[in-house]
Structures are given as C-alpha cells and as structure tokens.
Amino acid sequence: MIARLTGKVVSTDAGSLVLDVNGVGYLAHVPLSLLAALPESSANVTLYTSMVVRDDDIALYGFRSEAELELFRRLTSVTGVGPRVALSMLSAFEGHELARAISSNDAKALTLIPGVGPKLAQRVVLELGDAMAQFAFDQAVQRVDSGPSAVRSALFEDIVEALVGLQYNRADARRAAEKAIAASGGSADGPALIRLALNSLSGEGGR
C-alpha cells in the first residue's frame, strides 16, 4: 500500500500527473484543483494517496492533504460512487465546500457534478450527511486557527460556515459569530470563538 509520495511533477494531463520519486514515475489521478495549484518551479510535491485495485486495473489517486484523502474514502464508501465520480466531486468543489453541501442536504448542488444524478446525490446526502457536518466543522476550525495573519473578515466567515455546517441557519450563525468576536475583544483564537458562538446559540435555542 502506498500512503504518501513526495517528488517532482514531470508531466500532467487532464486529471492526472506523473510524480518522479527517486527515478520512479508514479501516475496518479488527482483533482483538477490540485493540478491548478501545482508550483511552477521544480519544488517537491507531496501526494497523500489511495490505491484502488480491481480485477482489470490498479489505479493510484492523489490528494493535497490527509483530510482530502479521507473525504475521498468516505465518498467511495457510498454505493454507486466509484473513484472517478468521487474525484469529479473533489474537482468541482473544494473539500470543505463539498462537505458543507452534503451536510446541508444540498443534493441539487451535487447534481451539477458530471456523473452524479438526482438519485445518487440523494444517496450521498442520506448516507454521509451527519459525518460531513463534523468534517466541515473540523475543517473550519483548522482554517480559523491559522495564526495571527488571519484577517477579521476571513475569521468571521469561517466561523459562520462552521456553524452552518452544524445545521444552524445562516442568519443566526452570523449573529452568533458577531457576538463571539465582540465578546472576545479580539484576543480569542478560532476554536475558542466557535465555542463562544455555540454557547450563544445554545442560549437562544436557535437552529
């Protein structure tokens, strides 16, 4: 099992790349967003990988982070979602956006993805909704906890998205985020602000 590869990208194609690792070239299928974010220089690139073995094929799928790889694995656990369809999903949306769409039961958004029809979209939402709410929350916590360089507006929006991922409506989430930031006096970090916002919402009883 190949879990991670670090090397130099020697070629790319639509939805795939070849990574040279100590003279060995690995062909990996990757999201389009990963291809778009590749460095122009010869800097090393790390892929977190999943090997899919079938009777007639062995394929390697690569991702920018362990979180994105975990999302790929969760998607392919749904009946009818193969590796290529899961890759299309991760090409159409950033990981946290896809998790938010699933957790908020937005099956219509999923049908915009090639290979995903209404029935499959509903199945994904039904089987992964609760798990994706936690995934979206965890990703938002990581983004807001990115250090002193994070600007207030980005922090505010990430808190809102974390709360929406937990099924609070957007209007209540925005009010709670504003209260949390004001109450902290600018001294709290991202996770602490999310906890303050959750306390505020719990007191109001709104979802």
N, C-alpha and C. Protein backbone atom coordinates (compact mmCIF):
# COMPACT_ATOMS: atom_id res chain seq x y z
N MET A 1 0.85 -1.20 0.00
CA MET A 1 0.00 0.00 0.00
C MET A 1 0.88 1.25 0.00
N ILE A 2 0.62 2.16 -0.92
CA ILE A 2 1.36 3.42 -0.99
C ILE A 2 0.50 4.49 -0.32
N ALA A 3 0.97 5.05 0.79
CA ALA A 3 0.19 6.02 1.56
C ALA A 3 0.55 7.46 1.22
N ARG A 4 1.81 7.70 0.85
CA ARG A 4 2.23 9.08 0.57
C ARG A 4 3.44 9.05 -0.36
N LEU A 5 3.50 10.04 -1.25
CA LEU A 5 4.62 10.16 -2.17
C LEU A 5 5.09 11.61 -2.21
N THR A 6 6.39 11.81 -2.23
CA THR A 6 6.96 13.14 -2.38
C THR A 6 7.98 13.10 -3.51
N GLY A 7 7.82 14.00 -4.46
CA GLY A 7 8.75 14.04 -5.59
C GLY A 7 8.44 15.22 -6.48
N LYS A 8 8.95 15.17 -7.70
CA LYS A 8 8.78 16.27 -8.65
C LYS A 8 7.80 15.85 -9.75
N VAL A 9 6.92 16.76 -10.10
CA VAL A 9 5.96 16.51 -11.17
C VAL A 9 6.68 16.64 -12.51
N VAL A 10 6.66 15.57 -13.30
CA VAL A 10 7.35 15.60 -14.59
C VAL A 10 6.40 15.76 -15.76
N SER A 11 5.12 15.47 -15.55
CA SER A 11 4.13 15.69 -16.61
C SER A 11 2.73 15.71 -16.01
N THR A 12 1.83 16.37 -16.71
CA THR A 12 0.43 16.42 -16.28
C THR A 12 -0.48 16.17 -17.48
N ASP A 13 -1.66 15.71 -17.19
CA ASP A 13 -2.69 15.51 -18.19
C ASP A 13 -4.01 15.91 -17.54
N ALA A 14 -5.09 15.82 -18.29
CA ALA A 14 -6.39 16.18 -17.72
C ALA A 14 -6.76 15.21 -16.61
N GLY A 15 -6.61 15.65 -15.37
CA GLY A 15 -6.99 14.82 -14.24
C GLY A 15 -5.93 13.86 -13.74
N SER A 16 -4.69 14.01 -14.20
CA SER A 16 -3.64 13.12 -13.70
C SER A 16 -2.28 13.79 -13.81
N LEU A 17 -1.30 13.21 -13.14
CA LEU A 17 0.07 13.68 -13.23
C LEU A 17 1.01 12.50 -13.03
N VAL A 18 2.27 12.72 -13.42
CA VAL A 18 3.31 11.74 -13.15
C VAL A 18 4.29 12.36 -12.18
N LEU A 19 4.50 11.70 -11.05
CA LEU A 19 5.38 12.18 -10.00
C LEU A 19 6.65 11.33 -9.99
N ASP A 20 7.79 11.99 -10.16
CA ASP A 20 9.08 11.29 -10.14
C ASP A 20 9.58 11.22 -8.70
N VAL A 21 9.68 10.00 -8.19
CA VAL A 21 10.17 9.77 -6.83
C VAL A 21 11.42 8.90 -6.92
N ASN A 22 12.58 9.55 -6.75
CA ASN A 22 13.86 8.82 -6.82
C ASN A 22 13.99 8.01 -8.10
N GLY A 23 13.60 8.62 -9.22
CA GLY A 23 13.77 7.97 -10.51
C GLY A 23 12.64 7.07 -10.95
N VAL A 24 11.64 6.88 -10.10
CA VAL A 24 10.48 6.05 -10.45
C VAL A 24 9.29 6.98 -10.68
N GLY A 25 8.62 6.83 -11.82
CA GLY A 25 7.48 7.67 -12.13
C GLY A 25 6.17 7.04 -11.72
N TYR A 26 5.39 7.74 -10.90
CA TYR A 26 4.10 7.24 -10.44
C TYR A 26 2.99 8.05 -11.12
N LEU A 27 2.09 7.36 -11.80
CA LEU A 27 0.93 8.01 -12.40
C LEU A 27 -0.18 8.07 -11.35
N ALA A 28 -0.64 9.28 -11.05
CA ALA A 28 -1.70 9.44 -10.06
C ALA A 28 -2.84 10.27 -10.64
N HIS A 29 -4.05 9.81 -10.43
CA HIS A 29 -5.24 10.58 -10.79
C HIS A 29 -5.49 11.58 -9.65
N VAL A 30 -5.70 12.84 -10.00
CA VAL A 30 -5.80 13.89 -8.98
C VAL A 30 -6.95 14.84 -9.32
N PRO A 31 -7.48 15.56 -8.31
CA PRO A 31 -8.50 16.58 -8.58
C PRO A 31 -7.93 17.70 -9.44
N LEU A 32 -8.79 18.33 -10.23
CA LEU A 32 -8.35 19.44 -11.07
C LEU A 32 -7.82 20.60 -10.23
N SER A 33 -8.36 20.76 -9.02
CA SER A 33 -7.89 21.84 -8.15
C SER A 33 -6.44 21.63 -7.75
N LEU A 34 -6.02 20.38 -7.62
CA LEU A 34 -4.62 20.09 -7.30
C LEU A 34 -3.72 20.46 -8.47
N LEU A 35 -4.15 20.13 -9.67
CA LEU A 35 -3.36 20.49 -10.86
C LEU A 35 -3.20 22.00 -10.97
N ALA A 36 -4.29 22.72 -10.68
CA ALA A 36 -4.24 24.18 -10.79
C ALA A 36 -3.33 24.80 -9.76
N ALA A 37 -3.13 24.12 -8.63
CA ALA A 37 -2.31 24.68 -7.54
C ALA A 37 -0.86 24.22 -7.58
N LEU A 38 -0.47 23.46 -8.58
CA LEU A 38 0.91 22.98 -8.64
C LEU A 38 1.89 24.13 -8.76
N PRO A 39 3.01 24.09 -8.06
CA PRO A 39 4.02 25.15 -8.18
C PRO A 39 4.66 25.13 -9.56
N GLU A 40 5.02 26.31 -10.05
CA GLU A 40 5.64 26.40 -11.36
C GLU A 40 7.10 25.97 -11.31
N SER A 41 7.71 26.07 -10.16
CA SER A 41 9.12 25.71 -10.02
C SER A 41 9.26 24.19 -9.92
N SER A 42 10.48 23.74 -9.71
CA SER A 42 10.74 22.30 -9.59
C SER A 42 10.65 21.84 -8.13
N ALA A 43 9.90 22.56 -7.31
CA ALA A 43 9.76 22.21 -5.90
C ALA A 43 9.09 20.85 -5.75
N ASN A 44 9.43 20.15 -4.69
CA ASN A 44 8.81 18.86 -4.41
C ASN A 44 7.33 19.01 -4.11
N VAL A 45 6.58 18.02 -4.51
CA VAL A 45 5.14 17.97 -4.26
C VAL A 45 4.84 16.69 -3.48
N THR A 46 4.01 16.81 -2.45
CA THR A 46 3.61 15.63 -1.67
C THR A 46 2.16 15.28 -1.99
N LEU A 47 1.94 14.01 -2.28
CA LEU A 47 0.60 13.49 -2.51
C LEU A 47 0.25 12.48 -1.43
N TYR A 48 -0.95 12.61 -0.87
CA TYR A 48 -1.50 11.60 0.02
C TYR A 48 -2.35 10.69 -0.86
N THR A 49 -2.08 9.41 -0.85
CA THR A 49 -2.59 8.55 -1.91
C THR A 49 -3.48 7.41 -1.44
N SER A 50 -4.30 6.96 -2.36
CA SER A 50 -5.14 5.78 -2.17
C SER A 50 -4.98 4.90 -3.41
N MET A 51 -4.65 3.64 -3.22
CA MET A 51 -4.52 2.71 -4.34
C MET A 51 -5.80 1.89 -4.44
N VAL A 52 -6.40 1.92 -5.62
CA VAL A 52 -7.64 1.18 -5.86
C VAL A 52 -7.32 0.01 -6.78
N VAL A 53 -7.56 -1.20 -6.28
CA VAL A 53 -7.23 -2.41 -7.04
C VAL A 53 -8.52 -3.08 -7.49
N ARG A 54 -8.61 -3.32 -8.80
CA ARG A 54 -9.74 -4.05 -9.37
C ARG A 54 -9.20 -5.20 -10.20
N ASP A 55 -10.13 -6.04 -10.67
CA ASP A 55 -9.71 -7.21 -11.44
C ASP A 55 -8.91 -6.83 -12.67
N ASP A 56 -9.30 -5.72 -13.31
CA ASP A 56 -8.67 -5.35 -14.57
C ASP A 56 -7.84 -4.07 -14.49
N ASP A 57 -7.62 -3.55 -13.29
CA ASP A 57 -6.94 -2.26 -13.20
C ASP A 57 -6.40 -2.02 -11.80
N ILE A 58 -5.27 -1.34 -11.74
CA ILE A 58 -4.72 -0.83 -10.48
C ILE A 58 -4.48 0.66 -10.69
N ALA A 59 -5.11 1.50 -9.89
CA ALA A 59 -5.00 2.94 -10.08
C ALA A 59 -4.63 3.62 -8.77
N LEU A 60 -3.86 4.70 -8.90
CA LEU A 60 -3.43 5.48 -7.75
C LEU A 60 -4.10 6.84 -7.80
N TYR A 61 -4.67 7.26 -6.69
CA TYR A 61 -5.34 8.56 -6.58
C TYR A 61 -4.60 9.40 -5.56
N GLY A 62 -4.32 10.66 -5.92
CA GLY A 62 -3.51 11.51 -5.05
C GLY A 62 -4.22 12.79 -4.65
N PHE A 63 -3.90 13.27 -3.43
CA PHE A 63 -4.58 14.44 -2.87
C PHE A 63 -3.60 15.33 -2.12
N ARG A 64 -4.01 16.58 -1.92
CA ARG A 64 -3.12 17.58 -1.30
C ARG A 64 -2.99 17.40 0.20
N SER A 65 -3.97 16.78 0.83
CA SER A 65 -3.95 16.69 2.29
C SER A 65 -4.57 15.37 2.74
N GLU A 66 -4.31 15.02 3.98
CA GLU A 66 -4.92 13.82 4.55
C GLU A 66 -6.43 13.99 4.68
N ALA A 67 -6.87 15.22 4.93
CA ALA A 67 -8.31 15.47 5.05
C ALA A 67 -9.01 15.23 3.72
N GLU A 68 -8.39 15.67 2.62
CA GLU A 68 -8.99 15.46 1.31
C GLU A 68 -9.01 13.97 0.95
N LEU A 69 -7.96 13.26 1.32
CA LEU A 69 -7.92 11.81 1.11
C LEU A 69 -9.02 11.12 1.90
N GLU A 70 -9.22 11.53 3.15
CA GLU A 70 -10.28 10.95 3.98
C GLU A 70 -11.65 11.21 3.37
N LEU A 71 -11.84 12.41 2.81
CA LEU A 71 -13.11 12.73 2.16
C LEU A 71 -13.33 11.83 0.95
N PHE A 72 -12.28 11.61 0.17
CA PHE A 72 -12.35 10.70 -0.98
C PHE A 72 -12.79 9.30 -0.53
N ARG A 73 -12.21 8.82 0.54
CA ARG A 73 -12.55 7.48 1.04
C ARG A 73 -14.00 7.41 1.52
N ARG A 74 -14.45 8.46 2.17
CA ARG A 74 -15.84 8.48 2.63
C ARG A 74 -16.80 8.47 1.44
N LEU A 75 -16.47 9.26 0.42
CA LEU A 75 -17.33 9.32 -0.76
C LEU A 75 -17.43 7.96 -1.44
N THR A 76 -16.31 7.28 -1.58
CA THR A 76 -16.32 5.99 -2.27
C THR A 76 -16.93 4.88 -1.43
N SER A 77 -17.25 5.17 -0.18
CA SER A 77 -17.95 4.18 0.65
C SER A 77 -19.44 4.13 0.32
N VAL A 78 -19.92 5.12 -0.43
CA VAL A 78 -21.33 5.18 -0.82
C VAL A 78 -21.54 4.31 -2.06
N THR A 79 -22.55 3.48 -2.03
CA THR A 79 -22.86 2.63 -3.17
C THR A 79 -23.15 3.49 -4.41
N GLY A 80 -22.45 3.20 -5.49
CA GLY A 80 -22.65 3.95 -6.72
C GLY A 80 -21.63 5.05 -6.94
N VAL A 81 -20.82 5.35 -5.92
CA VAL A 81 -19.78 6.37 -6.06
C VAL A 81 -18.44 5.65 -6.21
N GLY A 82 -17.96 5.56 -7.43
CA GLY A 82 -16.66 4.98 -7.68
C GLY A 82 -15.57 6.02 -7.55
N PRO A 83 -14.32 5.62 -7.68
CA PRO A 83 -13.20 6.56 -7.54
C PRO A 83 -13.27 7.73 -8.52
N ARG A 84 -13.66 7.47 -9.76
CA ARG A 84 -13.71 8.55 -10.74
C ARG A 84 -14.80 9.57 -10.41
N VAL A 85 -15.95 9.09 -9.95
CA VAL A 85 -17.02 10.01 -9.57
C VAL A 85 -16.61 10.82 -8.34
N ALA A 86 -15.99 10.17 -7.37
CA ALA A 86 -15.51 10.88 -6.18
C ALA A 86 -14.49 11.94 -6.57
N LEU A 87 -13.63 11.62 -7.53
CA LEU A 87 -12.64 12.59 -7.99
C LEU A 87 -13.32 13.76 -8.69
N SER A 88 -14.38 13.49 -9.45
CA SER A 88 -15.14 14.57 -10.08
C SER A 88 -15.74 15.50 -9.04
N MET A 89 -16.22 14.91 -7.94
CA MET A 89 -16.79 15.73 -6.86
C MET A 89 -15.73 16.65 -6.26
N LEU A 90 -14.53 16.10 -6.05
CA LEU A 90 -13.46 16.88 -5.44
C LEU A 90 -12.81 17.84 -6.43
N SER A 91 -13.11 17.66 -7.72
CA SER A 91 -12.66 18.62 -8.73
C SER A 91 -13.63 19.78 -8.84
N ALA A 92 -14.92 19.49 -8.61
CA ALA A 92 -15.95 20.52 -8.74
C ALA A 92 -16.03 21.42 -7.51
N PHE A 93 -15.69 20.89 -6.34
CA PHE A 93 -15.76 21.64 -5.09
C PHE A 93 -14.47 21.48 -4.29
N GLU A 94 -14.11 22.51 -3.55
CA GLU A 94 -13.09 22.35 -2.52
C GLU A 94 -13.66 21.40 -1.46
N GLY A 95 -12.79 20.71 -0.74
CA GLY A 95 -13.25 19.71 0.22
C GLY A 95 -14.26 20.24 1.22
N HIS A 96 -13.98 21.42 1.82
CA HIS A 96 -14.89 21.94 2.83
C HIS A 96 -16.22 22.38 2.22
N GLU A 97 -16.18 22.83 0.94
CA GLU A 97 -17.42 23.22 0.26
C GLU A 97 -18.28 21.99 -0.03
N LEU A 98 -17.64 20.92 -0.46
CA LEU A 98 -18.37 19.69 -0.74
C LEU A 98 -18.99 19.13 0.54
N ALA A 99 -18.21 19.13 1.62
CA ALA A 99 -18.72 18.65 2.90
C ALA A 99 -19.91 19.48 3.37
N ARG A 100 -19.83 20.79 3.15
CA ARG A 100 -20.93 21.67 3.56
C ARG A 100 -22.18 21.40 2.73
N ALA A 101 -22.02 21.18 1.43
CA ALA A 101 -23.17 20.90 0.57
C ALA A 101 -23.85 19.60 1.01
N ILE A 102 -23.06 18.59 1.32
CA ILE A 102 -23.63 17.30 1.74
C ILE A 102 -24.30 17.43 3.10
N SER A 103 -23.64 18.10 4.04
CA SER A 103 -24.19 18.20 5.40
C SER A 103 -25.44 19.06 5.47
N SER A 104 -25.58 19.98 4.50
CA SER A 104 -26.77 20.84 4.47
C SER A 104 -27.85 20.29 3.54
N ASN A 105 -27.70 19.02 3.13
CA ASN A 105 -28.69 18.33 2.29
C ASN A 105 -28.92 19.01 0.95
N ASP A 106 -27.87 19.61 0.41
CA ASP A 106 -27.98 20.30 -0.88
C ASP A 106 -27.70 19.33 -2.03
N ALA A 107 -28.62 18.39 -2.22
CA ALA A 107 -28.44 17.40 -3.28
C ALA A 107 -28.43 18.05 -4.66
N LYS A 108 -29.14 19.16 -4.80
CA LYS A 108 -29.20 19.83 -6.10
C LYS A 108 -27.81 20.28 -6.54
N ALA A 109 -27.01 20.77 -5.60
CA ALA A 109 -25.66 21.21 -5.94
C ALA A 109 -24.82 20.04 -6.43
N LEU A 110 -25.04 18.87 -5.85
CA LEU A 110 -24.26 17.70 -6.25
C LEU A 110 -24.61 17.25 -7.65
N THR A 111 -25.85 17.48 -8.10
CA THR A 111 -26.24 17.05 -9.44
C THR A 111 -25.56 17.86 -10.53
N LEU A 112 -24.91 18.96 -10.18
CA LEU A 112 -24.16 19.75 -11.16
C LEU A 112 -22.84 19.08 -11.51
N ILE A 113 -22.45 18.07 -10.74
CA ILE A 113 -21.18 17.38 -10.94
C ILE A 113 -21.38 16.29 -12.00
N PRO A 114 -20.50 16.22 -13.00
CA PRO A 114 -20.62 15.17 -14.01
C PRO A 114 -20.62 13.78 -13.38
N GLY A 115 -21.59 12.96 -13.78
CA GLY A 115 -21.68 11.60 -13.27
C GLY A 115 -22.54 11.44 -12.04
N VAL A 116 -23.08 12.55 -11.53
CA VAL A 116 -23.93 12.50 -10.33
C VAL A 116 -25.36 12.90 -10.70
N GLY A 117 -26.25 11.92 -10.70
CA GLY A 117 -27.65 12.19 -10.97
C GLY A 117 -28.42 12.43 -9.69
N PRO A 118 -29.71 12.76 -9.79
CA PRO A 118 -30.51 13.06 -8.60
C PRO A 118 -30.55 11.93 -7.57
N LYS A 119 -30.71 10.68 -8.03
CA LYS A 119 -30.78 9.56 -7.09
C LYS A 119 -29.47 9.36 -6.34
N LEU A 120 -28.36 9.45 -7.06
CA LEU A 120 -27.06 9.28 -6.41
C LEU A 120 -26.79 10.44 -5.45
N ALA A 121 -27.16 11.65 -5.85
CA ALA A 121 -26.96 12.82 -4.98
C ALA A 121 -27.72 12.64 -3.67
N GLN A 122 -28.96 12.17 -3.76
CA GLN A 122 -29.76 11.94 -2.55
C GLN A 122 -29.14 10.86 -1.68
N ARG A 123 -28.59 9.83 -2.31
CA ARG A 123 -27.97 8.75 -1.54
C ARG A 123 -26.74 9.26 -0.79
N VAL A 124 -25.94 10.08 -1.45
CA VAL A 124 -24.75 10.64 -0.81
C VAL A 124 -25.14 11.49 0.39
N VAL A 125 -26.14 12.34 0.21
CA VAL A 125 -26.61 13.20 1.30
C VAL A 125 -27.14 12.37 2.46
N LEU A 126 -27.91 11.33 2.14
CA LEU A 126 -28.52 10.49 3.17
C LEU A 126 -27.47 9.72 3.97
N GLU A 127 -26.48 9.15 3.27
CA GLU A 127 -25.50 8.29 3.93
C GLU A 127 -24.38 9.06 4.61
N LEU A 128 -24.06 10.26 4.11
CA LEU A 128 -22.89 10.97 4.63
C LEU A 128 -23.22 12.28 5.34
N GLY A 129 -24.49 12.64 5.40
CA GLY A 129 -24.85 13.95 5.94
C GLY A 129 -24.28 14.24 7.31
N ASP A 130 -24.50 13.35 8.27
CA ASP A 130 -24.03 13.58 9.64
C ASP A 130 -22.51 13.61 9.71
N ALA A 131 -21.86 12.69 9.02
CA ALA A 131 -20.39 12.64 9.05
C ALA A 131 -19.79 13.88 8.41
N MET A 132 -20.43 14.39 7.36
CA MET A 132 -19.89 15.57 6.68
C MET A 132 -20.09 16.83 7.50
N ALA A 133 -21.11 16.87 8.35
CA ALA A 133 -21.29 18.03 9.23
C ALA A 133 -20.09 18.16 10.16
N GLN A 134 -19.64 17.05 10.73
CA GLN A 134 -18.47 17.07 11.60
C GLN A 134 -17.21 17.38 10.80
N PHE A 135 -17.10 16.84 9.59
CA PHE A 135 -15.94 17.10 8.75
C PHE A 135 -15.85 18.59 8.41
N ALA A 136 -16.98 19.20 8.02
CA ALA A 136 -17.00 20.62 7.68
C ALA A 136 -16.62 21.46 8.89
N PHE A 137 -17.12 21.07 10.06
CA PHE A 137 -16.78 21.80 11.29
C PHE A 137 -15.29 21.72 11.58
N ASP A 138 -14.72 20.51 11.49
CA ASP A 138 -13.29 20.33 11.77
C ASP A 138 -12.43 21.14 10.81
N GLN A 139 -12.82 21.18 9.54
CA GLN A 139 -12.05 21.94 8.55
C GLN A 139 -12.13 23.43 8.82
N ALA A 140 -13.30 23.90 9.24
CA ALA A 140 -13.44 25.32 9.55
C ALA A 140 -12.59 25.70 10.75
N VAL A 141 -12.54 24.83 11.75
CA VAL A 141 -11.70 25.08 12.92
C VAL A 141 -10.25 25.22 12.50
N GLN A 142 -9.79 24.36 11.61
CA GLN A 142 -8.41 24.42 11.16
C GLN A 142 -8.14 25.72 10.42
N ARG A 143 -9.10 26.17 9.62
CA ARG A 143 -8.87 27.39 8.85
C ARG A 143 -8.84 28.63 9.75
N VAL A 144 -9.74 28.70 10.74
CA VAL A 144 -9.75 29.88 11.59
C VAL A 144 -8.60 29.87 12.58
N ASP A 145 -7.99 28.71 12.79
CA ASP A 145 -6.87 28.59 13.71
C ASP A 145 -5.54 28.70 12.96
N SER A 146 -5.51 29.55 11.93
CA SER A 146 -4.34 29.61 11.04
C SER A 146 -3.29 30.61 11.49
N GLY A 147 -3.47 31.25 12.66
CA GLY A 147 -2.42 32.13 13.16
C GLY A 147 -2.77 33.60 13.05
N PRO A 148 -1.86 34.47 13.48
CA PRO A 148 -2.14 35.90 13.55
C PRO A 148 -2.35 36.57 12.21
N SER A 149 -1.99 35.93 11.10
CA SER A 149 -2.15 36.56 9.80
C SER A 149 -3.59 36.54 9.31
N ALA A 150 -4.45 35.74 9.95
CA ALA A 150 -5.83 35.65 9.51
C ALA A 150 -6.54 36.98 9.77
N VAL A 151 -7.19 37.53 8.75
CA VAL A 151 -7.88 38.81 8.91
C VAL A 151 -9.25 38.59 9.52
N ARG A 152 -9.82 39.65 10.11
CA ARG A 152 -11.08 39.51 10.83
C ARG A 152 -12.20 39.02 9.92
N SER A 153 -12.28 39.54 8.68
CA SER A 153 -13.37 39.14 7.80
C SER A 153 -13.32 37.66 7.47
N ALA A 154 -12.13 37.14 7.21
CA ALA A 154 -11.99 35.71 6.91
C ALA A 154 -12.34 34.88 8.14
N LEU A 155 -11.92 35.33 9.29
CA LEU A 155 -12.22 34.64 10.54
C LEU A 155 -13.72 34.58 10.76
N PHE A 156 -14.38 35.71 10.55
CA PHE A 156 -15.83 35.80 10.72
C PHE A 156 -16.55 34.81 9.80
N GLU A 157 -16.17 34.81 8.51
CA GLU A 157 -16.84 33.94 7.55
C GLU A 157 -16.61 32.46 7.87
N ASP A 158 -15.42 32.12 8.34
CA ASP A 158 -15.15 30.72 8.65
C ASP A 158 -15.94 30.25 9.87
N ILE A 159 -16.13 31.15 10.85
CA ILE A 159 -16.96 30.80 12.00
C ILE A 159 -18.40 30.56 11.54
N VAL A 160 -18.89 31.43 10.68
CA VAL A 160 -20.25 31.28 10.16
C VAL A 160 -20.40 29.94 9.44
N GLU A 161 -19.44 29.61 8.57
CA GLU A 161 -19.53 28.36 7.81
C GLU A 161 -19.46 27.14 8.73
N ALA A 162 -18.67 27.23 9.78
CA ALA A 162 -18.60 26.12 10.74
C ALA A 162 -19.96 25.90 11.39
N LEU A 163 -20.64 26.97 11.74
CA LEU A 163 -21.95 26.86 12.39
C LEU A 163 -23.01 26.36 11.41
N VAL A 164 -22.96 26.85 10.17
CA VAL A 164 -23.90 26.38 9.15
C VAL A 164 -23.70 24.88 8.91
N GLY A 165 -22.43 24.44 8.95
CA GLY A 165 -22.14 23.02 8.80
C GLY A 165 -22.74 22.18 9.91
N LEU A 166 -23.02 22.81 11.05
CA LEU A 166 -23.66 22.12 12.17
C LEU A 166 -25.18 22.31 12.17
N GLN A 167 -25.70 22.77 11.02
CA GLN A 167 -27.14 22.86 10.78
C GLN A 167 -27.81 24.08 11.42
N TYR A 168 -27.04 25.08 11.85
CA TYR A 168 -27.65 26.34 12.27
C TYR A 168 -27.95 27.16 11.03
N ASN A 169 -29.04 27.95 11.07
CA ASN A 169 -29.32 28.75 9.88
C ASN A 169 -28.33 29.92 9.80
N ARG A 170 -28.13 30.41 8.59
CA ARG A 170 -27.05 31.37 8.34
C ARG A 170 -27.25 32.68 9.09
N ALA A 171 -28.48 33.15 9.20
CA ALA A 171 -28.72 34.42 9.90
C ALA A 171 -28.32 34.31 11.37
N ASP A 172 -28.75 33.22 12.03
CA ASP A 172 -28.38 33.01 13.43
C ASP A 172 -26.88 32.83 13.58
N ALA A 173 -26.28 32.13 12.61
CA ALA A 173 -24.83 31.89 12.67
C ALA A 173 -24.05 33.20 12.58
N ARG A 174 -24.50 34.10 11.72
CA ARG A 174 -23.80 35.38 11.57
C ARG A 174 -23.91 36.22 12.85
N ARG A 175 -25.10 36.23 13.44
CA ARG A 175 -25.28 36.98 14.69
C ARG A 175 -24.40 36.40 15.79
N ALA A 176 -24.36 35.08 15.88
CA ALA A 176 -23.55 34.44 16.92
C ALA A 176 -22.07 34.70 16.71
N ALA A 177 -21.63 34.71 15.45
CA ALA A 177 -20.22 34.99 15.15
C ALA A 177 -19.86 36.42 15.55
N GLU A 178 -20.75 37.35 15.25
CA GLU A 178 -20.51 38.75 15.62
C GLU A 178 -20.40 38.89 17.14
N LYS A 179 -21.31 38.24 17.87
CA LYS A 179 -21.28 38.31 19.33
C LYS A 179 -19.99 37.71 19.89
N ALA A 180 -19.58 36.59 19.32
CA ALA A 180 -18.38 35.90 19.81
C ALA A 180 -17.14 36.76 19.62
N ILE A 181 -17.01 37.36 18.44
CA ILE A 181 -15.84 38.20 18.17
C ILE A 181 -15.85 39.43 19.07
N ALA A 182 -17.03 40.03 19.25
CA ALA A 182 -17.12 41.21 20.11
C ALA A 182 -16.81 40.85 21.56
N ALA A 183 -17.32 39.71 22.02
CA ALA A 183 -17.10 39.31 23.42
C ALA A 183 -15.65 38.98 23.71
N SER A 184 -14.94 38.51 22.69
CA SER A 184 -13.55 38.09 22.91
C SER A 184 -12.59 39.27 22.96
N GLY A 185 -13.03 40.42 22.45
CA GLY A 185 -12.14 41.58 22.41
C GLY A 185 -10.96 41.38 21.47
N GLY A 186 -11.09 40.43 20.55
CA GLY A 186 -10.02 40.18 19.59
C GLY A 186 -8.90 39.31 20.11
N SER A 187 -9.06 38.77 21.32
CA SER A 187 -7.95 38.01 21.92
C SER A 187 -8.09 36.50 21.77
N ALA A 188 -9.28 36.01 21.41
CA ALA A 188 -9.50 34.56 21.33
C ALA A 188 -9.08 34.01 19.98
N ASP A 189 -8.66 32.72 19.98
CA ASP A 189 -8.32 32.08 18.72
C ASP A 189 -9.58 31.49 18.09
N GLY A 190 -9.41 30.90 16.90
CA GLY A 190 -10.56 30.40 16.15
C GLY A 190 -11.42 29.41 16.91
N PRO A 191 -10.85 28.31 17.42
CA PRO A 191 -11.67 27.35 18.15
C PRO A 191 -12.41 27.95 19.34
N ALA A 192 -11.76 28.86 20.05
CA ALA A 192 -12.41 29.49 21.20
C ALA A 192 -13.60 30.34 20.74
N LEU A 193 -13.44 31.02 19.61
CA LEU A 193 -14.53 31.83 19.08
C LEU A 193 -15.71 30.96 18.66
N ILE A 194 -15.43 29.83 18.07
CA ILE A 194 -16.51 28.92 17.68
C ILE A 194 -17.25 28.42 18.92
N ARG A 195 -16.52 28.12 19.98
CA ARG A 195 -17.17 27.68 21.23
C ARG A 195 -18.05 28.79 21.80
N LEU A 196 -17.55 30.04 21.75
CA LEU A 196 -18.36 31.17 22.23
C LEU A 196 -19.64 31.31 21.41
N ALA A 197 -19.50 31.16 20.10
CA ALA A 197 -20.67 31.27 19.22
C ALA A 197 -21.67 30.16 19.50
N LEU A 198 -21.18 28.95 19.73
CA LEU A 198 -22.07 27.83 20.05
C LEU A 198 -22.79 28.05 21.37
N ASN A 199 -22.08 28.61 22.35
CA ASN A 199 -22.73 28.92 23.63
C ASN A 199 -23.84 29.93 23.44
N SER A 200 -23.58 30.92 22.59
CA SER A 200 -24.59 31.94 22.31
C SER A 200 -25.82 31.32 21.66
N LEU A 201 -25.60 30.45 20.69
CA LEU A 201 -26.72 29.81 20.00
C LEU A 201 -27.48 28.86 20.92
N SER A 202 -26.78 28.18 21.80
CA SER A 202 -27.44 27.28 22.75
C SER A 202 -28.36 28.05 23.68
N GLY A 203 -27.91 29.25 24.07
CA GLY A 203 -28.73 30.08 24.93
C GLY A 203 -29.98 30.58 24.24
N GLU A 204 -29.85 30.82 22.90
CA GLU A 204 -31.00 31.30 22.15
C GLU A 204 -31.92 30.17 21.72
N GLY A 205 -31.34 28.94 21.67
CA GLY A 205 -32.13 27.79 21.24
C GLY A 205 -32.48 27.78 19.78
N GLY A 206 -31.64 28.45 18.96
CA GLY A 206 -31.99 28.54 17.53
C GLY A 206 -31.21 27.60 16.65
N ARG A 207 -31.93 26.96 15.68
CA ARG A 207 -31.31 26.15 14.61
C ARG A 207 -32.11 26.32 13.34
